[in-house]
Amino acid sequence: MPVSIEKRPFGVAADGQNVYSYIVRNDRISAELIEYGAAIRSLLVNNGGKWTDVVLGYDTLREYEESDGCFGACIGRVGNRIGGATFTLNGEKYPLAKNDGENHLHGGVRGFDKYVWRAEEMPDGVRFTRISPDGEEGYPGTLSVSVYYRVQDNMLIIEYSAFSDKDTLCSLTNHSYFNLNGEGSVLGHTLQINAEEFLENSAATLPTGRRLQVAGTPFDFRIPKSIGQDICRDDVQLRNCGGYDHNFCLAGETAAVLRGDQSGIVMTVRTTLPGMQIYTANFLTERRGKRGAVYTPRCALCLEPQYYPNAMACAGFEKPILRKGETWHHYTTLTFSGK
């Protein structure tokens, strides 16, 4: 299926850099990608001849620069939380920026989502690259990062690569907010997650190191159910996070299946990463988004494949360590079907 790419100006960043967007399109999906944050600004799905935008975003570059939430962006160096904003690697302790209470979240005060990336058009998509210098946000090593978005048939493929000149940490993810209806609440969406376990969180939404069985809990999505079915149950884990904001321990490359209750659009998420954070936008403050839409808590769902959060402090968790000279390489695919 032929793929077209259109480059458009998207604005001038606060530091004076020109920022462009790239529309990568075929007959079934159309992804608009911007150099700021290497972000997915829009993702249009052809659903029986009607194009539905299934991700949240903003109209202007300034809104991306001034807003929180990491809408559609590549997150790094490490997605999610690092407890106490510190980790020990090779016997050396590294203090990081505290930007989530006492913890470090989504790469720090200025994570990868707040930089202009270099873009290169490819035959079937766009590759974004940046170099994170040694010591950025407290991390060791100069890290070279590549995020390659490809459109193929009814799929958006996100391929990550990174290498460093020192041992460091790396756990990249994408922070898109999905609403497969294109508007309204996400609580009526049906969700299935391929996981027998999820990670226990503290009151600070930080994994404690314990894996909990999903069976018999509101976190059991092994059989498809609506997101809103159990989200208001009296459960300490839901109270700790104001809803779902938990990492699920994936049992295979097919991570999740999400279905819009009104649109009928189905999105299947596959990944090579071991975990996936499910976030029901519990802390999203009310704001205006694309085309005048009003975004409110639980208007969308984040599905973020990643290493387990706080892994460096938790025994038994796979560590997001990238050794000098090695390549960090993972992918996530989003496959769409409709009516």
C-alpha atoms as a PDB file:
ATOM      1  CA  MET A   1       0.000   0.000   0.000  1.00  0.00           C
ATOM      2  CA  PRO A   2       1.614   3.316  -1.085  1.00  0.00           C
ATOM      3  CA  VAL A   3       2.743   5.729   1.647  1.00  0.00           C
ATOM      4  CA  SER A   4       2.950   9.503   1.184  1.00  0.00           C
ATOM      5  CA  ILE A   5       4.835  11.974   3.392  1.00  0.00           C
ATOM      6  CA  GLU A   6       4.063  15.683   3.621  1.00  0.00           C
ATOM      7  CA  LYS A   7       6.283  18.138   5.509  1.00  0.00           C
ATOM      8  CA  ARG A   8       4.707  21.251   7.014  1.00  0.00           C
ATOM      9  CA  PRO A   9       5.917  24.139   9.228  1.00  0.00           C
ATOM     10  CA  PHE A  10       4.607  23.760  12.782  1.00  0.00           C
ATOM     11  CA  GLY A  11       6.070  26.834  14.458  1.00  0.00           C
ATOM     12  CA  VAL A  12       9.187  28.337  15.961  1.00  0.00           C
ATOM     13  CA  ALA A  13      10.361  27.035  19.340  1.00  0.00           C
ATOM     14  CA  ALA A  14      11.197  29.337  22.239  1.00  0.00           C
ATOM     15  CA  ASP A  15      14.908  28.848  21.491  1.00  0.00           C
ATOM     16  CA  GLY A  16      14.427  29.977  17.893  1.00  0.00           C
ATOM     17  CA  GLN A  17      14.459  26.576  16.167  1.00  0.00           C
ATOM     18  CA  ASN A  18      12.049  25.985  13.309  1.00  0.00           C
ATOM     19  CA  VAL A  19       9.826  22.987  14.009  1.00  0.00           C
ATOM     20  CA  TYR A  20       8.134  20.883  11.332  1.00  0.00           C
ATOM     21  CA  SER A  21       5.423  18.278  11.245  1.00  0.00           C
ATOM     22  CA  TYR A  22       5.330  15.252   8.950  1.00  0.00           C
ATOM     23  CA  ILE A  23       2.121  13.620   7.794  1.00  0.00           C
ATOM     24  CA  VAL A  24       2.731   9.967   6.949  1.00  0.00           C
ATOM     25  CA  ARG A  25      -0.322   8.495   5.276  1.00  0.00           C
ATOM     26  CA  ASN A  26      -1.790   5.613   3.340  1.00  0.00           C
ATOM     27  CA  ASP A  27      -5.419   4.702   2.629  1.00  0.00           C
ATOM     28  CA  ARG A  28      -5.988   3.262   6.115  1.00  0.00           C
ATOM     29  CA  ILE A  29      -4.137   5.438   8.641  1.00  0.00           C
ATOM     30  CA  SER A  30      -2.523   8.858   8.760  1.00  0.00           C
ATOM     31  CA  ALA A  31       0.015   9.844  11.424  1.00  0.00           C
ATOM     32  CA  GLU A  32       1.117  13.442  11.992  1.00  0.00           C
ATOM     33  CA  LEU A  33       4.509  13.522  13.712  1.00  0.00           C
ATOM     34  CA  ILE A  34       6.244  16.626  15.035  1.00  0.00           C
ATOM     35  CA  GLU A  35       9.920  17.312  15.675  1.00  0.00           C
ATOM     36  CA  TYR A  36       9.158  18.675  19.142  1.00  0.00           C
ATOM     37  CA  GLY A  37       9.322  15.687  21.481  1.00  0.00           C
ATOM     38  CA  ALA A  38       9.308  13.319  18.481  1.00  0.00           C
ATOM     39  CA  ALA A  39       5.597  13.308  19.217  1.00  0.00           C
ATOM     40  CA  ILE A  40       2.538  11.802  17.564  1.00  0.00           C
ATOM     41  CA  ARG A  41       0.293  14.842  17.177  1.00  0.00           C
ATOM     42  CA  SER A  42      -2.574  13.057  15.458  1.00  0.00           C
ATOM     43  CA  LEU A  43      -3.384   9.526  14.372  1.00  0.00           C
ATOM     44  CA  LEU A  44      -6.285   9.244  11.944  1.00  0.00           C
ATOM     45  CA  VAL A  45      -7.914   5.867  11.367  1.00  0.00           C
ATOM     46  CA  ASN A  46     -10.099   5.181   8.313  1.00  0.00           C
ATOM     47  CA  ASN A  47     -13.175   3.556   9.819  1.00  0.00           C
ATOM     48  CA  GLY A  48     -15.543   2.652   7.009  1.00  0.00           C
ATOM     49  CA  GLY A  49     -14.747   5.833   5.111  1.00  0.00           C
ATOM     50  CA  LYS A  50     -14.833   8.093   8.195  1.00  0.00           C
ATOM     51  CA  TRP A  51     -11.487   9.339   9.488  1.00  0.00           C
ATOM     52  CA  THR A  52     -11.278   9.424  13.292  1.00  0.00           C
ATOM     53  CA  ASP A  53      -8.401  11.031  15.211  1.00  0.00           C
ATOM     54  CA  VAL A  54      -7.684   8.620  18.070  1.00  0.00           C
ATOM     55  CA  VAL A  55      -5.024  10.560  20.034  1.00  0.00           C
ATOM     56  CA  LEU A  56      -5.051  13.758  22.064  1.00  0.00           C
ATOM     57  CA  GLY A  57      -2.876  16.708  21.077  1.00  0.00           C
ATOM     58  CA  TYR A  58      -2.581  20.458  20.636  1.00  0.00           C
ATOM     59  CA  ASP A  59      -2.995  22.905  17.768  1.00  0.00           C
ATOM     60  CA  THR A  60       0.151  24.930  18.389  1.00  0.00           C
ATOM     61  CA  LEU A  61       3.805  24.423  19.259  1.00  0.00           C
ATOM     62  CA  ARG A  62       3.550  26.844  22.168  1.00  0.00           C
ATOM     63  CA  GLU A  63       0.937  24.611  23.808  1.00  0.00           C
ATOM     64  CA  TYR A  64       3.333  21.668  23.598  1.00  0.00           C
ATOM     65  CA  GLU A  65       6.132  23.782  25.082  1.00  0.00           C
ATOM     66  CA  GLU A  66       4.081  25.174  27.955  1.00  0.00           C
ATOM     67  CA  SER A  67       1.899  22.188  28.880  1.00  0.00           C
ATOM     68  CA  ASP A  68       2.521  19.092  30.973  1.00  0.00           C
ATOM     69  CA  GLY A  69       1.260  15.616  30.140  1.00  0.00           C
ATOM     70  CA  CYS A  70       3.824  14.672  27.455  1.00  0.00           C
ATOM     71  CA  PHE A  71       1.092  14.363  24.815  1.00  0.00           C
ATOM     72  CA  GLY A  72       2.202  11.833  22.200  1.00  0.00           C
ATOM     73  CA  ALA A  73       5.896  12.325  22.969  1.00  0.00           C
ATOM     74  CA  CYS A  74       8.867  10.013  23.190  1.00  0.00           C
ATOM     75  CA  ILE A  75       9.753   9.670  26.877  1.00  0.00           C
ATOM     76  CA  GLY A  76      13.326   9.257  28.097  1.00  0.00           C
ATOM     77  CA  ARG A  77      15.867   8.531  29.201  1.00  0.00           C
ATOM     78  CA  VAL A  78      13.689   6.456  31.510  1.00  0.00           C
ATOM     79  CA  GLY A  79       9.922   6.357  31.297  1.00  0.00           C
ATOM     80  CA  ASN A  80       7.918   6.425  34.522  1.00  0.00           C
ATOM     81  CA  ARG A  81       9.263   6.775  38.083  1.00  0.00           C
ATOM     82  CA  ILE A  82      12.603   6.251  39.783  1.00  0.00           C
ATOM     83  CA  GLY A  83      12.165   6.224  43.550  1.00  0.00           C
ATOM     84  CA  GLY A  84      14.035   8.847  45.543  1.00  0.00           C
ATOM     85  CA  ALA A  85      15.354  10.297  42.265  1.00  0.00           C
ATOM     86  CA  THR A  86      18.508   8.212  42.556  1.00  0.00           C
ATOM     87  CA  PHE A  87      19.989   4.934  41.356  1.00  0.00           C
ATOM     88  CA  THR A  88      23.205   2.999  41.801  1.00  0.00           C
ATOM     89  CA  LEU A  89      25.092   1.607  38.810  1.00  0.00           C
ATOM     90  CA  ASN A  90      28.471  -0.136  38.939  1.00  0.00           C
ATOM     91  CA  GLY A  91      28.757   0.860  42.585  1.00  0.00           C
ATOM     92  CA  GLU A  92      28.291   4.580  41.898  1.00  0.00           C
ATOM     93  CA  LYS A  93      25.241   6.516  43.080  1.00  0.00           C
ATOM     94  CA  TYR A  94      23.625   8.920  40.605  1.00  0.00           C
ATOM     95  CA  PRO A  95      21.281  11.638  41.898  1.00  0.00           C
ATOM     96  CA  LEU A  96      18.591  12.681  39.413  1.00  0.00           C
ATOM     97  CA  ALA A  97      16.234  15.626  39.135  1.00  0.00           C
ATOM     98  CA  LYS A  98      13.217  15.439  41.470  1.00  0.00           C
ATOM     99  CA  ASN A  99      10.120  16.385  39.498  1.00  0.00           C
ATOM    100  CA  ASP A 100       7.446  14.143  41.072  1.00  0.00           C
ATOM    101  CA  GLY A 101       7.617  14.816  44.792  1.00  0.00           C
ATOM    102  CA  GLU A 102      10.724  12.980  45.973  1.00  0.00           C
ATOM    103  CA  ASN A 103      10.816  10.896  42.796  1.00  0.00           C
ATOM    104  CA  HIS A 104      12.116  11.267  39.247  1.00  0.00           C
ATOM    105  CA  LEU A 105       9.472  10.992  36.507  1.00  0.00           C
ATOM    106  CA  HIS A 106       9.674  10.620  32.706  1.00  0.00           C
ATOM    107  CA  GLY A 107      13.296  11.684  32.345  1.00  0.00           C
ATOM    108  CA  GLY A 108      13.270  14.646  34.711  1.00  0.00           C
ATOM    109  CA  VAL A 109      12.578  18.376  34.634  1.00  0.00           C
ATOM    110  CA  ARG A 110      13.377  18.508  30.926  1.00  0.00           C
ATOM    111  CA  GLY A 111      12.898  15.076  29.488  1.00  0.00           C
ATOM    112  CA  PHE A 112      13.082  14.037  25.851  1.00  0.00           C
ATOM    113  CA  ASP A 113       9.542  15.384  25.342  1.00  0.00           C
ATOM    114  CA  LYS A 114      10.804  18.984  25.703  1.00  0.00           C
ATOM    115  CA  TYR A 115      13.469  18.935  22.975  1.00  0.00           C
ATOM    116  CA  VAL A 116      13.402  19.523  19.224  1.00  0.00           C
ATOM    117  CA  TRP A 117      14.574  16.335  17.515  1.00  0.00           C
ATOM    118  CA  ARG A 118      16.243  15.964  14.122  1.00  0.00           C
ATOM    119  CA  ALA A 119      13.939  14.391  11.526  1.00  0.00           C
ATOM    120  CA  GLU A 120      14.819  12.338   8.470  1.00  0.00           C
ATOM    121  CA  GLU A 121      12.226  11.240   5.928  1.00  0.00           C
ATOM    122  CA  MET A 122      12.306   7.543   5.089  1.00  0.00           C
ATOM    123  CA  PRO A 123      10.401   5.618   2.373  1.00  0.00           C
ATOM    124  CA  ASP A 124       7.638   4.562   4.784  1.00  0.00           C
ATOM    125  CA  GLY A 125       7.914   7.044   7.644  1.00  0.00           C
ATOM    126  CA  VAL A 126      10.121   9.404   9.624  1.00  0.00           C
ATOM    127  CA  ARG A 127      13.141   8.742  11.830  1.00  0.00           C
ATOM    128  CA  PHE A 128      13.766  11.172  14.699  1.00  0.00           C
ATOM    129  CA  THR A 129      17.157  11.373  16.420  1.00  0.00           C
ATOM    130  CA  ARG A 130      18.774  13.308  19.231  1.00  0.00           C
ATOM    131  CA  ILE A 131      21.932  13.112  21.328  1.00  0.00           C
ATOM    132  CA  SER A 132      21.476  13.331  25.078  1.00  0.00           C
ATOM    133  CA  PRO A 133      24.766  14.607  26.540  1.00  0.00           C
ATOM    134  CA  ASP A 134      26.627  13.027  29.436  1.00  0.00           C
ATOM    135  CA  GLY A 135      25.055  14.214  32.709  1.00  0.00           C
ATOM    136  CA  GLU A 136      21.741  15.365  31.234  1.00  0.00           C
ATOM    137  CA  GLU A 137      19.200  15.272  34.111  1.00  0.00           C
ATOM    138  CA  GLY A 138      21.848  13.375  36.099  1.00  0.00           C
ATOM    139  CA  TYR A 139      22.273  10.338  33.813  1.00  0.00           C
ATOM    140  CA  PRO A 140      25.756   9.106  32.880  1.00  0.00           C
ATOM    141  CA  GLY A 141      26.956   8.728  29.298  1.00  0.00           C
ATOM    142  CA  THR A 142      26.296  10.425  25.981  1.00  0.00           C
ATOM    143  CA  LEU A 143      23.198   8.651  24.657  1.00  0.00           C
ATOM    144  CA  SER A 144      22.355   8.599  20.940  1.00  0.00           C
ATOM    145  CA  VAL A 145      18.654   7.915  20.405  1.00  0.00           C
ATOM    146  CA  SER A 146      16.561   7.025  17.358  1.00  0.00           C
ATOM    147  CA  VAL A 147      12.768   6.735  17.124  1.00  0.00           C
ATOM    148  CA  TYR A 148      11.494   5.512  13.769  1.00  0.00           C
ATOM    149  CA  TYR A 149       7.764   5.806  13.017  1.00  0.00           C
ATOM    150  CA  ARG A 150       6.601   3.692  10.065  1.00  0.00           C
ATOM    151  CA  VAL A 151       3.184   3.320   8.472  1.00  0.00           C
ATOM    152  CA  GLN A 152       2.496  -0.107   7.004  1.00  0.00           C
ATOM    153  CA  ASP A 153      -0.994  -1.197   5.929  1.00  0.00           C
ATOM    154  CA  ASN A 154      -3.151  -0.698   9.061  1.00  0.00           C
ATOM    155  CA  MET A 155      -0.200  -0.385  11.455  1.00  0.00           C
ATOM    156  CA  LEU A 156       1.877   2.333  13.017  1.00  0.00           C
ATOM    157  CA  ILE A 157       5.247   0.836  13.962  1.00  0.00           C
ATOM    158  CA  ILE A 158       7.430   2.593  16.560  1.00  0.00           C
ATOM    159  CA  GLU A 159      11.028   1.343  16.515  1.00  0.00           C
ATOM    160  CA  TYR A 160      13.509   2.521  19.139  1.00  0.00           C
ATOM    161  CA  SER A 161      17.310   2.334  19.084  1.00  0.00           C
ATOM    162  CA  ALA A 162      19.889   3.793  21.457  1.00  0.00           C
ATOM    163  CA  PHE A 163      23.565   3.416  22.336  1.00  0.00           C
ATOM    164  CA  SER A 164      25.847   5.090  24.873  1.00  0.00           C
ATOM    165  CA  ASP A 165      29.551   5.719  25.417  1.00  0.00           C
ATOM    166  CA  LYS A 166      29.143   4.770  29.121  1.00  0.00           C
ATOM    167  CA  ASP A 167      26.988   2.329  31.035  1.00  0.00           C
ATOM    168  CA  THR A 168      23.670   4.083  31.648  1.00  0.00           C
ATOM    169  CA  LEU A 169      19.922   3.563  31.951  1.00  0.00           C
ATOM    170  CA  CYS A 170      17.491   3.528  29.036  1.00  0.00           C
ATOM    171  CA  SER A 171      13.754   2.788  28.920  1.00  0.00           C
ATOM    172  CA  LEU A 172      12.035   4.672  26.126  1.00  0.00           C
ATOM    173  CA  THR A 173       8.292   4.735  25.565  1.00  0.00           C
ATOM    174  CA  ASN A 174       5.576   6.726  23.826  1.00  0.00           C
ATOM    175  CA  HIS A 175       3.095   8.756  25.863  1.00  0.00           C
ATOM    176  CA  SER A 176       0.091   9.012  23.545  1.00  0.00           C
ATOM    177  CA  TYR A 177      -3.364   9.445  25.060  1.00  0.00           C
ATOM    178  CA  PHE A 178      -5.862   7.297  23.163  1.00  0.00           C
ATOM    179  CA  ASN A 179      -9.578   7.763  22.697  1.00  0.00           C
ATOM    180  CA  LEU A 180     -10.818   5.474  19.922  1.00  0.00           C
ATOM    181  CA  ASN A 181     -14.162   7.278  19.741  1.00  0.00           C
ATOM    182  CA  GLY A 182     -12.343  10.518  18.991  1.00  0.00           C
ATOM    183  CA  GLU A 183     -14.053  12.370  21.860  1.00  0.00           C
ATOM    184  CA  GLY A 184     -15.828  11.954  25.184  1.00  0.00           C
ATOM    185  CA  SER A 185     -14.975   9.627  28.045  1.00  0.00           C
ATOM    186  CA  VAL A 186     -12.776   6.551  27.677  1.00  0.00           C
ATOM    187  CA  LEU A 187     -14.556   4.631  30.451  1.00  0.00           C
ATOM    188  CA  GLY A 188     -16.867   2.845  27.998  1.00  0.00           C
ATOM    189  CA  HIS A 189     -13.938   1.502  25.975  1.00  0.00           C
ATOM    190  CA  THR A 190     -13.327  -2.241  26.237  1.00  0.00           C
ATOM    191  CA  LEU A 191      -9.817  -3.285  27.225  1.00  0.00           C
ATOM    192  CA  GLN A 192      -8.020  -6.634  27.295  1.00  0.00           C
ATOM    193  CA  ILE A 193      -4.504  -6.959  28.775  1.00  0.00           C
ATOM    194  CA  ASN A 194      -2.281  -9.995  28.352  1.00  0.00           C
ATOM    195  CA  ALA A 195      -1.023 -10.092  31.955  1.00  0.00           C
ATOM    196  CA  GLU A 196      -1.443 -12.360  34.968  1.00  0.00           C
ATOM    197  CA  GLU A 197       0.294  -9.893  37.306  1.00  0.00           C
ATOM    198  CA  PHE A 198       0.590  -6.176  37.934  1.00  0.00           C
ATOM    199  CA  LEU A 199       2.903  -4.132  40.144  1.00  0.00           C
ATOM    200  CA  GLU A 200       1.819  -2.947  43.556  1.00  0.00           C
ATOM    201  CA  ASN A 201       2.074   0.837  43.934  1.00  0.00           C
ATOM    202  CA  SER A 202       2.672   2.940  47.014  1.00  0.00           C
ATOM    203  CA  ALA A 203       0.568   6.009  47.790  1.00  0.00           C
ATOM    204  CA  ALA A 204       3.130   7.947  45.708  1.00  0.00           C
ATOM    205  CA  THR A 205       2.306   5.788  42.647  1.00  0.00           C
ATOM    206  CA  LEU A 206       5.705   4.130  42.985  1.00  0.00           C
ATOM    207  CA  PRO A 207       6.136   0.349  42.561  1.00  0.00           C
ATOM    208  CA  THR A 208       7.057  -1.295  45.853  1.00  0.00           C
ATOM    209  CA  GLY A 209       8.718  -4.337  44.281  1.00  0.00           C
ATOM    210  CA  ARG A 210       5.762  -6.676  44.809  1.00  0.00           C
ATOM    211  CA  ARG A 211       3.965  -8.379  41.945  1.00  0.00           C
ATOM    212  CA  LEU A 212       0.268  -8.932  42.573  1.00  0.00           C
ATOM    213  CA  GLN A 213      -2.033 -11.413  40.852  1.00  0.00           C
ATOM    214  CA  VAL A 214      -4.747  -9.764  38.764  1.00  0.00           C
ATOM    215  CA  ALA A 215      -7.224 -12.591  39.507  1.00  0.00           C
ATOM    216  CA  GLY A 216     -10.058 -11.460  41.730  1.00  0.00           C
ATOM    217  CA  THR A 217      -9.076  -7.780  41.554  1.00  0.00           C
ATOM    218  CA  PRO A 218     -10.184  -4.724  39.540  1.00  0.00           C
ATOM    219  CA  PHE A 219      -6.942  -5.226  37.581  1.00  0.00           C
ATOM    220  CA  ASP A 220      -8.095  -8.406  35.864  1.00  0.00           C
ATOM    221  CA  PHE A 221      -8.369  -7.532  32.169  1.00  0.00           C
ATOM    222  CA  ARG A 222      -7.555 -10.998  30.864  1.00  0.00           C
ATOM    223  CA  ILE A 223     -11.101 -11.153  29.522  1.00  0.00           C
ATOM    224  CA  PRO A 224     -12.188  -7.919  27.808  1.00  0.00           C
ATOM    225  CA  LYS A 225     -14.178  -5.546  30.012  1.00  0.00           C
ATOM    226  CA  SER A 226     -15.006  -1.858  30.051  1.00  0.00           C
ATOM    227  CA  ILE A 227     -12.422   0.404  31.632  1.00  0.00           C
ATOM    228  CA  GLY A 228     -15.106   1.926  33.824  1.00  0.00           C
ATOM    229  CA  GLN A 229     -16.452  -1.382  35.140  1.00  0.00           C
ATOM    230  CA  ASP A 230     -14.217  -1.539  38.227  1.00  0.00           C
ATOM    231  CA  ILE A 231     -12.417   1.801  38.288  1.00  0.00           C
ATOM    232  CA  CYS A 232     -14.524   3.141  41.168  1.00  0.00           C
ATOM    233  CA  ARG A 233     -14.309   0.040  43.358  1.00  0.00           C
ATOM    234  CA  ASP A 234     -13.058   0.445  46.928  1.00  0.00           C
ATOM    235  CA  ASP A 235      -9.557  -0.896  46.351  1.00  0.00           C
ATOM    236  CA  VAL A 236      -6.394   0.450  47.951  1.00  0.00           C
ATOM    237  CA  GLN A 237      -4.469   0.323  44.678  1.00  0.00           C
ATOM    238  CA  LEU A 238      -7.125   2.353  42.874  1.00  0.00           C
ATOM    239  CA  ARG A 239      -7.277   4.819  45.771  1.00  0.00           C
ATOM    240  CA  ASN A 240      -3.497   5.242  45.734  1.00  0.00           C
ATOM    241  CA  CYS A 241      -3.527   6.326  42.099  1.00  0.00           C
ATOM    242  CA  GLY A 242      -6.985   7.843  41.612  1.00  0.00           C
ATOM    243  CA  GLY A 243      -7.786   5.064  39.139  1.00  0.00           C
ATOM    244  CA  TYR A 244      -5.519   2.956  36.955  1.00  0.00           C
ATOM    245  CA  ASP A 245      -1.891   4.116  36.858  1.00  0.00           C
ATOM    246  CA  HIS A 246      -0.146   0.752  37.113  1.00  0.00           C
ATOM    247  CA  ASN A 247       2.384  -1.354  35.288  1.00  0.00           C
ATOM    248  CA  PHE A 248       1.228  -4.759  34.041  1.00  0.00           C
ATOM    249  CA  CYS A 249       3.667  -7.654  33.663  1.00  0.00           C
ATOM    250  CA  LEU A 250       3.146  -8.750  30.081  1.00  0.00           C
ATOM    251  CA  ALA A 251       2.864 -12.432  29.184  1.00  0.00           C
ATOM    252  CA  GLY A 252       3.765 -12.070  25.500  1.00  0.00           C
ATOM    253  CA  GLU A 253       4.305  -9.639  22.632  1.00  0.00           C
ATOM    254  CA  THR A 254       0.564  -9.040  22.209  1.00  0.00           C
ATOM    255  CA  ALA A 255       0.127  -6.639  25.107  1.00  0.00           C
ATOM    256  CA  ALA A 256      -3.397  -5.248  24.859  1.00  0.00           C
ATOM    257  CA  VAL A 257      -6.516  -4.857  22.746  1.00  0.00           C
ATOM    258  CA  LEU A 258      -8.553  -1.654  23.089  1.00  0.00           C
ATOM    259  CA  ARG A 259     -11.983  -1.130  21.483  1.00  0.00           C
ATOM    260  CA  GLY A 260     -13.939   2.108  21.158  1.00  0.00           C
ATOM    261  CA  ASP A 261     -17.480   1.538  22.373  1.00  0.00           C
ATOM    262  CA  GLN A 262     -19.015   4.067  19.949  1.00  0.00           C
ATOM    263  CA  SER A 263     -16.678   3.968  16.962  1.00  0.00           C
ATOM    264  CA  GLY A 264     -16.021   0.218  16.923  1.00  0.00           C
ATOM    265  CA  ILE A 265     -12.345   0.951  16.187  1.00  0.00           C
ATOM    266  CA  VAL A 266     -10.041  -1.725  17.605  1.00  0.00           C
ATOM    267  CA  MET A 267      -6.370  -1.116  18.426  1.00  0.00           C
ATOM    268  CA  THR A 268      -4.021  -4.028  19.138  1.00  0.00           C
ATOM    269  CA  VAL A 269      -0.748  -3.186  20.898  1.00  0.00           C
ATOM    270  CA  ARG A 270       2.288  -5.434  20.461  1.00  0.00           C
ATOM    271  CA  THR A 271       5.699  -4.828  21.970  1.00  0.00           C
ATOM    272  CA  THR A 272       9.067  -6.387  22.775  1.00  0.00           C
ATOM    273  CA  LEU A 273       9.179  -4.614  26.144  1.00  0.00           C
ATOM    274  CA  PRO A 274       8.352  -6.527  29.357  1.00  0.00           C
ATOM    275  CA  GLY A 275       5.767  -4.240  30.928  1.00  0.00           C
ATOM    276  CA  MET A 276       3.054  -1.751  30.073  1.00  0.00           C
ATOM    277  CA  GLN A 277       1.783   1.163  32.125  1.00  0.00           C
ATOM    278  CA  ILE A 278      -1.983   1.682  31.996  1.00  0.00           C
ATOM    279  CA  TYR A 279      -2.956   5.261  32.852  1.00  0.00           C
ATOM    280  CA  THR A 280      -6.530   6.525  32.771  1.00  0.00           C
ATOM    281  CA  ALA A 281      -5.544  10.224  32.777  1.00  0.00           C
ATOM    282  CA  ASN A 282      -6.546  10.520  36.430  1.00  0.00           C
ATOM    283  CA  PHE A 283      -4.402  13.610  37.034  1.00  0.00           C
ATOM    284  CA  LEU A 284      -4.989  15.344  33.699  1.00  0.00           C
ATOM    285  CA  THR A 285      -6.133  18.877  34.467  1.00  0.00           C
ATOM    286  CA  GLU A 286      -8.904  20.325  32.316  1.00  0.00           C
ATOM    287  CA  ARG A 287      -7.474  21.962  29.206  1.00  0.00           C
ATOM    288  CA  ARG A 288      -8.241  22.801  25.595  1.00  0.00           C
ATOM    289  CA  GLY A 289      -6.838  20.549  22.905  1.00  0.00           C
ATOM    290  CA  LYS A 290      -7.013  20.176  19.131  1.00  0.00           C
ATOM    291  CA  ARG A 291      -9.857  21.832  17.268  1.00  0.00           C
ATOM    292  CA  GLY A 292     -11.369  23.261  20.457  1.00  0.00           C
ATOM    293  CA  ALA A 293     -11.806  19.919  22.236  1.00  0.00           C
ATOM    294  CA  VAL A 294     -11.875  20.038  26.041  1.00  0.00           C
ATOM    295  CA  TYR A 295      -9.750  17.381  27.728  1.00  0.00           C
ATOM    296  CA  THR A 296     -10.656  16.246  31.244  1.00  0.00           C
ATOM    297  CA  PRO A 297      -9.633  13.387  33.558  1.00  0.00           C
ATOM    298  CA  ARG A 298     -10.433   9.957  32.111  1.00  0.00           C
ATOM    299  CA  CYS A 299     -11.064  11.295  28.628  1.00  0.00           C
ATOM    300  CA  ALA A 300      -8.270   9.071  27.308  1.00  0.00           C
ATOM    301  CA  LEU A 301      -6.064   6.092  28.107  1.00  0.00           C
ATOM    302  CA  CYS A 302      -2.280   5.775  27.932  1.00  0.00           C
ATOM    303  CA  LEU A 303      -0.798   2.390  27.051  1.00  0.00           C
ATOM    304  CA  GLU A 304       2.965   2.755  27.622  1.00  0.00           C
ATOM    305  CA  PRO A 305       5.195  -0.282  26.932  1.00  0.00           C
ATOM    306  CA  GLN A 306       8.341  -0.027  29.078  1.00  0.00           C
ATOM    307  CA  TYR A 307      10.611  -1.655  31.609  1.00  0.00           C
ATOM    308  CA  TYR A 308       9.074  -1.984  35.060  1.00  0.00           C
ATOM    309  CA  PRO A 309       9.168   1.371  36.877  1.00  0.00           C
ATOM    310  CA  ASN A 310      11.583   1.787  39.806  1.00  0.00           C
ATOM    311  CA  ALA A 311      13.358  -1.344  38.606  1.00  0.00           C
ATOM    312  CA  MET A 312      16.789  -0.359  39.899  1.00  0.00           C
ATOM    313  CA  ALA A 313      15.472  -0.416  43.484  1.00  0.00           C
ATOM    314  CA  CYS A 314      13.368  -3.579  43.202  1.00  0.00           C
ATOM    315  CA  ALA A 315      14.834  -7.073  43.447  1.00  0.00           C
ATOM    316  CA  GLY A 316      13.721  -9.402  40.672  1.00  0.00           C
ATOM    317  CA  PHE A 317      12.830  -6.647  38.196  1.00  0.00           C
ATOM    318  CA  GLU A 318      14.677  -6.642  34.868  1.00  0.00           C
ATOM    319  CA  LYS A 319      17.003  -3.638  34.942  1.00  0.00           C
ATOM    320  CA  PRO A 320      16.900  -0.982  32.206  1.00  0.00           C
ATOM    321  CA  ILE A 321      20.698  -0.938  31.979  1.00  0.00           C
ATOM    322  CA  LEU A 322      22.308  -0.120  28.652  1.00  0.00           C
ATOM    323  CA  ARG A 323      25.957  -1.157  28.609  1.00  0.00           C
ATOM    324  CA  LYS A 324      28.600   0.822  26.769  1.00  0.00           C
ATOM    325  CA  GLY A 325      28.915  -0.346  23.177  1.00  0.00           C
ATOM    326  CA  GLU A 326      25.615  -2.252  23.159  1.00  0.00           C
ATOM    327  CA  THR A 327      22.447  -1.229  21.305  1.00  0.00           C
ATOM    328  CA  TRP A 328      19.096  -0.798  23.017  1.00  0.00           C
ATOM    329  CA  HIS A 329      16.498  -1.914  20.457  1.00  0.00           C
ATOM    330  CA  HIS A 330      12.760  -2.405  20.963  1.00  0.00           C
ATOM    331  CA  TYR A 331       9.561  -1.826  19.059  1.00  0.00           C
ATOM    332  CA  THR A 332       5.854  -1.251  19.596  1.00  0.00           C
ATOM    333  CA  THR A 333       3.169  -1.702  16.941  1.00  0.00           C
ATOM    334  CA  LEU A 334      -0.338  -0.275  16.915  1.00  0.00           C
ATOM    335  CA  THR A 335      -2.649  -2.220  14.583  1.00  0.00           C
ATOM    336  CA  PHE A 336      -6.107  -0.830  13.777  1.00  0.00           C
ATOM    337  CA  SER A 337      -9.311  -2.358  12.507  1.00  0.00           C
ATOM    338  CA  GLY A 338     -12.831  -0.972  12.378  1.00  0.00           C
ATOM    339  CA  LYS A 339     -16.331  -1.499  11.161  1.00  0.00           C
END
